[in-house]
Protein backbone atom coordinates (compact mmCIF):
# COMPACT_ATOMS: atom_id res chain seq x y z
CA UNK A 1 0.00 0.00 0.00
CA UNK A 2 1.40 3.39 -0.95
CA UNK A 3 1.39 6.37 1.35
CA UNK A 4 -2.00 8.12 1.46
CA UNK A 5 -1.81 11.45 -0.38
CA UNK A 6 -3.03 13.19 2.75
CA UNK A 7 0.24 12.33 4.49
CA UNK A 8 2.69 12.89 1.63
CA UNK A 9 4.00 16.08 3.22
CA UNK A 10 5.29 16.86 6.66
CA UNK A 11 3.27 18.49 9.45
CA UNK A 12 5.01 21.85 9.69
CA UNK A 13 2.53 24.29 11.15
CA UNK A 14 0.12 21.64 12.46
CA UNK A 15 1.75 21.19 15.85
CA UNK A 16 -0.50 21.65 18.89
CA UNK A 17 0.25 24.97 20.50
CA UNK A 18 3.00 25.70 18.04
CA UNK A 19 4.38 29.23 18.32
CA UNK A 20 2.04 30.83 15.81
CA UNK A 21 0.44 34.09 16.81
CA UNK A 22 1.17 36.68 19.45
CA UNK A 23 4.13 36.47 21.73
CA UNK A 24 4.81 37.88 25.17
CA UNK A 25 8.07 38.24 27.04
CA UNK A 26 9.98 35.53 28.88
CA UNK A 27 7.67 34.32 31.62
CA UNK A 28 9.82 32.74 34.31
CA UNK A 29 11.51 34.39 37.26
CA UNK A 30 10.97 34.99 40.97
CA UNK A 31 7.44 35.75 42.13
CA UNK A 32 7.02 38.33 44.89
CA UNK A 33 3.23 38.57 44.77
CA UNK A 34 1.28 35.52 43.66
CA UNK A 35 -1.96 37.49 43.54
CA UNK A 36 -0.67 39.90 40.90
CA UNK A 37 2.27 38.13 39.26
CA UNK A 38 1.74 34.36 39.42
CA UNK A 39 3.80 31.87 37.42
CA UNK A 40 3.09 28.14 37.47
CA UNK A 41 6.57 27.46 36.10
CA UNK A 42 8.44 28.42 39.28
CA UNK A 43 10.21 25.77 41.38
CA UNK A 44 8.24 26.60 44.54
CA UNK A 45 4.99 26.00 42.66
CA UNK A 46 6.25 22.66 41.36
CA UNK A 47 7.48 21.61 44.81
CA UNK A 48 4.29 22.49 46.72
CA UNK A 49 1.58 24.64 45.11
CA UNK A 50 -1.10 24.00 47.73
CA UNK A 51 -0.16 26.66 50.32
CA UNK A 52 0.01 29.22 47.51
CA UNK A 53 -3.40 28.19 46.22
CA UNK A 54 -4.91 28.21 49.72
CA UNK A 55 -3.59 31.71 50.37
CA UNK A 56 -4.94 33.01 47.06
CA UNK A 57 -8.33 31.42 47.65
CA UNK A 58 -8.68 33.41 50.87
CA UNK A 59 -7.36 36.82 49.81
CA UNK A 60 -7.51 36.91 45.99
CA UNK A 61 -9.50 33.98 44.59
CA UNK A 62 -8.93 35.00 40.97
CA UNK A 63 -5.26 35.92 40.74
CA UNK A 64 -3.75 37.84 37.83
CA UNK A 65 -0.42 37.91 36.05
CA UNK A 66 1.10 40.11 33.39
CA UNK A 67 3.28 37.23 32.29
CA UNK A 68 2.31 35.09 29.30
CA UNK A 69 0.74 38.24 27.83
CA UNK A 70 -1.80 38.39 30.65
CA UNK A 71 -3.69 35.68 32.46
CA UNK A 72 -5.94 34.69 35.37
CA UNK A 73 -5.85 31.92 37.97
CA UNK A 74 -9.17 31.04 39.66
CA UNK A 75 -8.71 28.98 42.83
CA UNK A 76 -12.30 28.37 43.99
CA UNK A 77 -14.13 25.29 42.80
CA UNK A 78 -17.19 27.29 41.75
CA UNK A 79 -15.12 29.61 39.54
CA UNK A 80 -13.12 26.79 37.95
CA UNK A 81 -16.33 24.87 37.24
CA UNK A 82 -18.12 27.91 35.82
CA UNK A 83 -15.33 28.58 33.33
CA UNK A 84 -14.93 24.91 32.42
CA UNK A 85 -18.62 24.70 31.50
CA UNK A 86 -18.74 28.07 29.72
CA UNK A 87 -17.76 27.50 26.10
CA UNK A 88 -19.48 30.72 25.00
CA UNK A 89 -16.98 33.04 26.66
CA UNK A 90 -13.88 30.84 26.91
CA UNK A 91 -12.07 29.01 24.10
CA UNK A 92 -10.06 25.79 24.32
CA UNK A 93 -8.07 26.38 21.14
CA UNK A 94 -4.92 26.39 23.27
CA UNK A 95 -4.76 24.35 26.45
CA UNK A 96 -1.09 25.02 27.32
CA UNK A 97 -0.50 28.47 28.82
CA UNK A 98 2.69 29.82 27.33
CA UNK A 99 4.22 32.88 25.74
CA UNK A 100 2.35 32.19 22.49
CA UNK A 101 -1.28 32.09 21.42
CA UNK A 102 -2.46 30.22 18.34
CA UNK A 103 -4.24 32.48 15.84
CA UNK A 104 -8.01 32.85 16.07
CA UNK A 105 -8.48 30.90 12.86
CA UNK A 106 -7.19 27.80 14.69
CA UNK A 107 -10.64 27.49 16.28
CA UNK A 108 -12.82 25.47 16.40
CA UNK A 109 -10.51 22.51 15.65
CA UNK A 110 -7.31 23.55 17.41
CA UNK A 111 -3.98 21.79 17.19
CA UNK A 112 -4.84 18.66 19.17
CA UNK A 113 -8.52 17.78 18.76
CA UNK A 114 -10.74 17.19 20.63
CA UNK A 115 -9.06 18.75 23.69
CA UNK A 116 -8.24 21.91 21.72
CA UNK A 117 -11.60 22.07 19.97
CA UNK A 118 -14.56 24.33 20.63
CA UNK A 119 -18.21 23.42 20.08
CA UNK A 120 -19.80 22.31 17.89
CA UNK A 121 -16.77 20.62 16.30
CA UNK A 122 -15.61 19.35 19.70
CA UNK A 123 -18.61 17.05 20.15
CA UNK A 124 -18.02 15.22 16.88
CA UNK A 125 -14.24 14.96 17.29
CA UNK A 126 -14.65 13.59 20.81
CA UNK A 127 -17.28 11.10 19.69
CA UNK A 128 -14.74 9.53 17.31
CA UNK A 129 -12.54 8.54 20.26
CA UNK A 130 -15.18 7.20 22.63
CA UNK A 131 -15.21 3.56 21.40
CA UNK A 132 -11.52 3.11 22.25
CA UNK A 133 -11.98 4.32 25.83
CA UNK A 134 -15.14 2.60 27.04
CA UNK A 135 -15.01 0.48 30.21
CA UNK A 136 -15.32 -2.63 28.07
CA UNK A 137 -12.43 -1.64 25.78
CA UNK A 138 -10.25 -0.66 28.74
CA UNK A 139 -10.99 -3.91 30.59
CA UNK A 140 -9.37 -5.84 27.74
CA UNK A 141 -6.08 -4.12 28.52
CA UNK A 142 -6.03 -4.86 32.24
CA UNK A 143 -4.32 -8.28 32.09
CA UNK A 144 -1.44 -6.96 29.98
CA UNK A 145 -1.10 -3.92 32.25
CA UNK A 146 -0.95 -6.14 35.33
CA UNK A 147 1.67 -8.36 33.74
CA UNK A 148 3.74 -5.30 32.88
CA UNK A 149 3.60 -4.03 36.48
CA UNK A 150 4.79 -7.38 37.77
CA UNK A 151 7.61 -7.44 35.20
CA UNK A 152 8.72 -3.94 36.20
CA UNK A 153 8.88 -4.96 39.87
CA UNK A 154 10.74 -8.14 38.94
CA UNK A 155 13.35 -5.86 37.41
CA UNK A 156 13.82 -4.09 40.75
CA UNK A 157 14.69 -7.27 42.61
CA UNK A 158 17.68 -6.94 44.89
CA UNK A 159 17.64 -3.15 45.01
CA UNK A 160 17.20 -1.52 48.40
CA UNK A 161 16.51 1.93 46.94
CA UNK A 162 14.54 2.35 43.73
CA UNK A 163 13.25 5.34 41.81
CA UNK A 164 9.54 4.56 41.65
CA UNK A 165 8.88 7.40 39.18
CA UNK A 166 11.61 6.55 36.69
CA UNK A 167 11.68 2.76 37.06
CA UNK A 168 7.99 2.02 37.59
CA UNK A 169 5.33 4.74 37.22
CA UNK A 170 6.42 6.23 33.90
CA UNK A 171 6.69 2.90 32.09
CA UNK A 172 3.10 1.84 32.68
CA UNK A 173 1.22 4.48 30.63
CA UNK A 174 4.06 4.58 28.10
CA UNK A 175 3.52 0.90 27.30
CA UNK A 176 -0.27 1.12 27.37
CA UNK A 177 -0.41 4.09 24.98
CA UNK A 178 2.26 2.60 22.71
CA UNK A 179 0.19 -0.57 22.43
CA UNK A 180 -3.01 1.38 21.74
CA UNK A 181 -1.39 3.45 18.99
CA UNK A 182 0.65 0.58 17.60
CA UNK A 183 4.01 2.24 18.28
CA UNK A 184 7.24 0.34 19.04
CA UNK A 185 7.47 -0.39 22.77
CA UNK A 186 11.18 0.45 22.78
CA UNK A 187 10.36 4.06 21.87
CA UNK A 188 9.35 4.86 25.46
CA UNK A 189 12.38 7.11 26.15
CA UNK A 190 11.45 9.20 23.11
CA UNK A 191 7.92 9.66 24.49
CA UNK A 192 9.38 11.17 27.65
CA UNK A 193 11.36 13.65 25.56
CA UNK A 194 8.24 14.63 23.61
CA UNK A 195 6.31 15.15 26.85
CA UNK A 196 8.96 17.36 28.38
CA UNK A 197 9.21 19.44 25.21
CA UNK A 198 5.45 19.97 25.00
CA UNK A 199 4.61 20.59 28.66
CA UNK A 200 7.77 21.90 30.26
CA UNK A 201 9.34 23.81 27.37
CA UNK A 202 6.80 26.61 27.16
CA UNK A 203 9.35 29.32 27.88
CA UNK A 204 11.80 28.34 25.15
CA UNK A 205 12.62 30.75 22.31
CA UNK A 206 10.15 30.31 19.44
CA UNK A 207 12.58 28.73 17.02
CA UNK A 208 13.73 26.16 19.60
CA UNK A 209 10.20 25.28 20.65
CA UNK A 210 9.21 24.89 16.99
CA UNK A 211 12.18 22.60 16.37
CA UNK A 212 11.44 20.47 19.42
CA UNK A 213 7.77 20.10 18.57
CA UNK A 214 8.86 19.23 15.05
CA UNK A 215 10.61 16.14 16.41
CA UNK A 216 7.27 14.86 17.72
CA UNK A 217 5.44 15.43 14.45
CA UNK A 218 8.25 13.92 12.40
CA UNK A 219 7.92 10.84 14.58
CA UNK A 220 4.13 10.75 14.17
CA UNK A 221 4.43 11.08 10.39
CA UNK A 222 6.85 8.13 10.34
CA UNK A 223 4.40 6.05 12.37
CA UNK A 224 1.49 7.00 10.10
CA UNK A 225 3.47 6.03 7.00
CA UNK A 226 4.41 2.73 8.59
CA UNK A 227 0.75 2.04 9.34
CA UNK A 228 -0.22 2.87 5.77
CA UNK A 229 2.42 0.48 4.47
CA UNK A 230 1.69 -2.19 7.08
CA UNK A 231 -1.97 -1.93 8.17
CA UNK A 232 -2.93 -3.40 11.55
CA UNK A 233 -5.71 -3.02 14.05
CA UNK A 234 -4.90 -0.20 16.43
CA UNK A 235 -5.89 3.36 17.20
CA UNK A 236 -3.54 4.89 14.62
CA UNK A 237 -5.11 2.89 11.80
CA UNK A 238 -8.54 3.77 13.14
CA UNK A 239 -7.75 7.51 13.00
CA UNK A 240 -6.28 7.25 9.50
CA UNK A 241 -9.45 5.60 8.24
CA UNK A 242 -11.97 7.54 10.34
CA UNK A 243 -14.44 9.88 8.65
CA UNK A 244 -16.04 13.08 9.85
CA UNK A 245 -18.77 14.89 7.92
CA UNK A 246 -18.39 12.39 5.07
CA UNK A 247 -14.63 12.84 4.57
CA UNK A 248 -11.46 11.30 5.96
CA UNK A 249 -9.86 13.28 8.76
CA UNK A 250 -7.44 16.01 7.79
CA UNK A 251 -3.76 15.15 8.42
CA UNK A 252 -3.53 17.86 11.11
CA UNK A 253 -6.49 16.29 12.90
CA UNK A 254 -4.99 12.79 12.79
CA UNK A 255 -1.55 13.93 13.93
CA UNK A 256 -2.90 16.32 16.55
CA UNK A 257 -5.08 13.64 18.14
CA UNK A 258 -2.18 11.20 18.15
CA UNK A 259 0.00 13.84 19.81
CA UNK A 260 -2.70 14.41 22.42
CA UNK A 261 -2.94 10.71 23.25
CA UNK A 262 0.82 10.30 23.36
CA UNK A 263 1.48 13.30 25.61
CA UNK A 264 -1.60 13.67 27.79
CA UNK A 265 -2.27 9.95 27.98
CA UNK A 266 1.14 9.26 29.42
CA UNK A 267 2.14 12.17 31.64
CA UNK A 268 -1.14 12.49 33.52
CA UNK A 269 -1.28 8.83 34.56
CA UNK A 270 2.44 8.61 35.25
CA UNK A 271 2.06 11.61 37.54
CA UNK A 272 -0.97 10.17 39.34
CA UNK A 273 0.75 6.86 40.01
CA UNK A 274 3.88 8.60 41.27
CA UNK A 275 2.00 11.01 43.54
CA UNK A 276 0.00 8.15 45.06
CA UNK A 277 3.18 6.18 45.83
CA UNK A 278 4.77 9.33 47.25
CA UNK A 279 1.84 9.77 49.63
CA UNK A 280 1.93 6.16 50.76
CA UNK A 281 5.68 6.28 51.24
CA UNK A 282 5.41 9.27 53.57
CA UNK A 283 2.20 8.13 55.32
CA UNK A 284 2.79 4.69 56.89
CA UNK A 285 -0.68 4.58 58.42
CA UNK A 286 -2.39 4.80 55.03
CA UNK A 287 0.06 2.36 53.44
CA UNK A 288 -0.44 -0.23 56.18
CA UNK A 289 -4.21 0.12 56.00
CA UNK A 290 -4.33 -0.42 52.24
CA UNK A 291 -2.06 -3.45 52.51
CA UNK A 292 -4.41 -4.88 55.14
CA UNK A 293 -7.60 -3.77 53.35
CA UNK A 294 -6.99 -4.04 49.59
CA UNK A 295 -10.72 -3.65 48.91
CA UNK A 296 -10.38 -0.03 50.07
CA UNK A 297 -7.99 0.83 47.24
CA UNK A 298 -10.57 2.06 44.68
CA UNK A 299 -11.90 4.53 47.26
CA UNK A 300 -8.40 5.59 48.30
CA UNK A 301 -7.42 5.99 44.67
CA UNK A 302 -10.17 8.57 44.13
CA UNK A 303 -8.87 10.49 47.12
CA UNK A 304 -5.34 10.47 45.72
CA UNK A 305 -6.77 11.83 42.47
CA UNK A 306 -8.55 14.58 44.38
CA UNK A 307 -5.68 15.56 46.66
CA UNK A 308 -2.91 15.27 44.07
CA UNK A 309 -4.80 16.00 40.85
CA UNK A 310 -2.04 16.25 38.23
CA UNK A 311 -3.74 18.30 35.53
CA UNK A 312 -4.27 22.03 35.04
CA UNK A 313 -5.81 23.19 31.77
CA UNK A 314 -5.77 26.56 30.03
CA UNK A 315 -8.47 28.53 28.24
CA UNK A 316 -8.47 31.80 26.28
CA UNK A 317 -10.95 34.61 26.90
CA UNK A 318 -13.02 35.23 23.76
CA UNK A 319 -13.90 38.90 24.30
CA UNK A 320 -13.43 41.73 26.78
CA UNK A 321 -15.77 41.27 29.74
CA UNK A 322 -16.28 41.79 33.45
CA UNK A 323 -16.40 38.36 35.03
CA UNK A 324 -16.88 37.61 38.75
CA UNK A 325 -15.33 40.88 39.85
CA UNK A 326 -12.40 41.06 37.43
CA UNK A 327 -11.96 42.73 34.05
CA UNK A 328 -10.81 40.15 31.54
CA UNK A 329 -9.53 41.08 28.10
CA UNK A 330 -9.89 39.14 24.88
CA UNK A 331 -6.99 36.69 24.52
CA UNK A 332 -6.21 36.65 28.26
CA UNK A 333 -5.28 33.21 29.50
CA UNK A 334 -7.30 31.39 32.12
CA UNK A 335 -5.36 28.76 34.04
CA UNK A 336 -7.97 26.22 35.19
CA UNK A 337 -6.39 24.68 38.26
CA UNK A 338 -8.31 21.50 38.97
CA UNK A 339 -5.84 20.81 41.81
CA UNK A 340 -6.88 24.10 43.47
CA UNK A 341 -10.56 23.36 42.92
CA UNK A 342 -10.11 19.95 44.53
CA UNK A 343 -8.79 21.52 47.72
CA UNK A 344 -11.48 24.15 48.13
CA UNK A 345 -12.94 23.80 51.66
CA UNK A 346 -16.24 25.20 50.39
CA UNK A 347 -16.58 22.08 48.23
CA UNK A 348 -14.83 19.35 50.26
CA UNK A 349 -14.84 18.56 53.96
CA UNK A 350 -11.28 18.40 55.32
CA UNK A 351 -10.11 19.56 51.92
CA UNK A 352 -6.48 19.87 52.99
CA UNK A 353 -6.34 16.32 54.35
CA UNK A 354 -5.98 13.02 52.51
CA UNK A 355 -8.83 10.84 53.74
CA UNK A 356 -8.46 7.46 52.05
CA UNK A 357 -11.93 6.26 53.04
CA UNK A 358 -13.71 9.45 51.88
CA UNK A 359 -17.14 8.34 50.67
CA UNK A 360 -18.41 11.45 48.86
CA UNK A 361 -15.74 12.58 46.45
CA UNK A 362 -16.92 14.45 43.37
CA UNK A 363 -13.45 15.64 42.50
CA UNK A 364 -12.42 17.41 39.31
CA UNK A 365 -9.18 15.53 38.63
CA UNK A 366 -10.42 14.55 35.17
CA UNK A 367 -11.73 18.01 34.40
CA UNK A 368 -15.23 19.43 34.20
CA UNK A 369 -17.63 20.25 31.39
CA UNK A 370 -17.48 19.09 27.78
CA UNK A 371 -13.72 18.56 27.94
CA UNK A 372 -13.82 16.08 30.79
CA UNK A 373 -11.06 13.52 30.12
CA UNK A 374 -12.10 11.01 27.47
CA UNK A 375 -9.54 8.55 28.85
CA UNK A 376 -10.66 8.56 32.49
CA UNK A 377 -11.58 4.85 32.48
CA UNK A 378 -8.15 4.00 31.11
CA UNK A 379 -6.34 6.22 33.62
CA UNK A 380 -8.30 4.74 36.53
CA UNK A 381 -7.49 1.20 35.40
CA UNK A 382 -3.78 1.93 35.08
CA UNK A 383 -3.65 3.69 38.45
CA UNK A 384 -5.58 0.95 40.23
CA UNK A 385 -3.54 -1.90 38.76
CA UNK A 386 -0.24 -0.09 39.36
CA UNK A 387 -1.07 0.42 43.04
CA UNK A 388 -2.56 -3.06 43.51
CA UNK A 389 0.54 -4.76 42.16
CA UNK A 390 2.95 -2.48 44.00
CA UNK A 391 1.25 -2.96 47.38
CA UNK A 392 1.04 -6.70 46.81
CA UNK A 393 4.70 -7.06 45.85
CA UNK A 394 6.20 -4.20 47.90
CA UNK A 395 4.10 -3.84 51.06
CA UNK A 396 6.81 -1.97 52.99
CA UNK A 397 8.46 1.13 51.57
CA UNK A 398 9.33 4.68 52.60
CA UNK A 399 10.95 7.78 51.15
CA UNK A 400 14.68 7.18 50.95
CA UNK A 401 15.39 10.91 50.98
CA UNK A 402 12.44 13.33 51.02
CA UNK A 403 14.64 16.15 49.75
CA UNK A 404 15.57 14.10 46.67
CA UNK A 405 11.99 13.96 45.37
CA UNK A 406 11.50 16.30 42.42
CA UNK A 407 8.24 17.39 40.76
CA UNK A 408 7.46 18.41 37.19
CA UNK A 409 6.91 22.09 36.55
CA UNK A 410 4.05 23.28 34.39
CA UNK A 411 0.49 22.13 33.92
CA UNK A 412 0.92 18.43 34.69
CA UNK A 413 2.41 17.92 38.13
CA UNK A 414 3.82 14.66 39.40
CA UNK A 415 7.06 13.22 40.78
CA UNK A 416 9.90 13.03 38.30
CA UNK A 417 12.30 11.41 40.76
CA UNK A 418 10.93 9.36 43.66
CA UNK A 419 13.64 7.43 45.56
CA UNK A 420 11.99 4.81 47.79
CA UNK A 421 13.61 2.50 50.31
CA UNK A 422 12.19 -1.00 50.03
CA UNK A 423 11.51 -3.20 53.04
């Protein structure tokens, strides 16, 4: 089979959140006033954002910054939810807050549909993905995921100190997503590079960010061509052959959705697994209880998702307006902090505590509104299996050096290094 004409050229200019459009100044640097100059890229935010969010919620619940060309940070659950559900006044055409904004003509599709899409296109683009992420479809992947977790722990045998982020958590979603897309399993290290470029490289000079994002789309084009030459049943082939409005998907749509699955599908789950293990390593009481009561794990898992929600999403204001006491301008960023919403005491009892047997837990870890995570069933399965296997095989563990734990900066937060002492 020859290469489909749709994919005969490269994807220059189709990258999600590529630096096309307006640019602001460099955005990192010390913050002296989080209410008027916040930056989610600072090391203190990565290390522990919760005290900052709690302080803002009390004295300035919708913080502002002049960085990134201007943006807002709501910290109350009700504000985050209101914006997430309001597609009339807020656009999703760019979900990574950076020093660039995609041009207005990028809407309603965006660079990585459906997460970057606005209604009504969003509904149809999302609907294409639903069959691959149903509970039934996800259940078919559980046995292989469990076997992988056991194999990863087998590889740690004999080590007294292991890096649970690098040697365990990150590999699980990498393998699952690679299998879903039909990518070579040995390409995992490249996926990590793509993730870091997309999510943590937002302050790079435009030409460097363009070049780094180009590496991802060059890789995706190679995978698409391989699938065209060697058809097989997987999500990549499905996207290549899928139709919308009576036509095959545009190349930018196919590549953008693949990029979304590769980046968001890996980093979010990797971060959730790592944060859960970090909590159990530093909280012996909770670890011992879950080892003794494994049936409690699904409930505890939801609490870990609430307390350590990894994902923050961005929106763009569509037009000048006065909203909940602040004057927003067209093209201002909104940083939708689901982690801050999940710790709002007006929404959750004992919001600042991790209560592993919490019964009522309508958290926002998977987002709110039309953009709620399409892969939530998959993420829950991976998290549950990863923790089940770890607690079964490694019932006793603790932080080897709390100061050695590092966290990702940016809009997906989770441990990047997590040294644990076993036994």
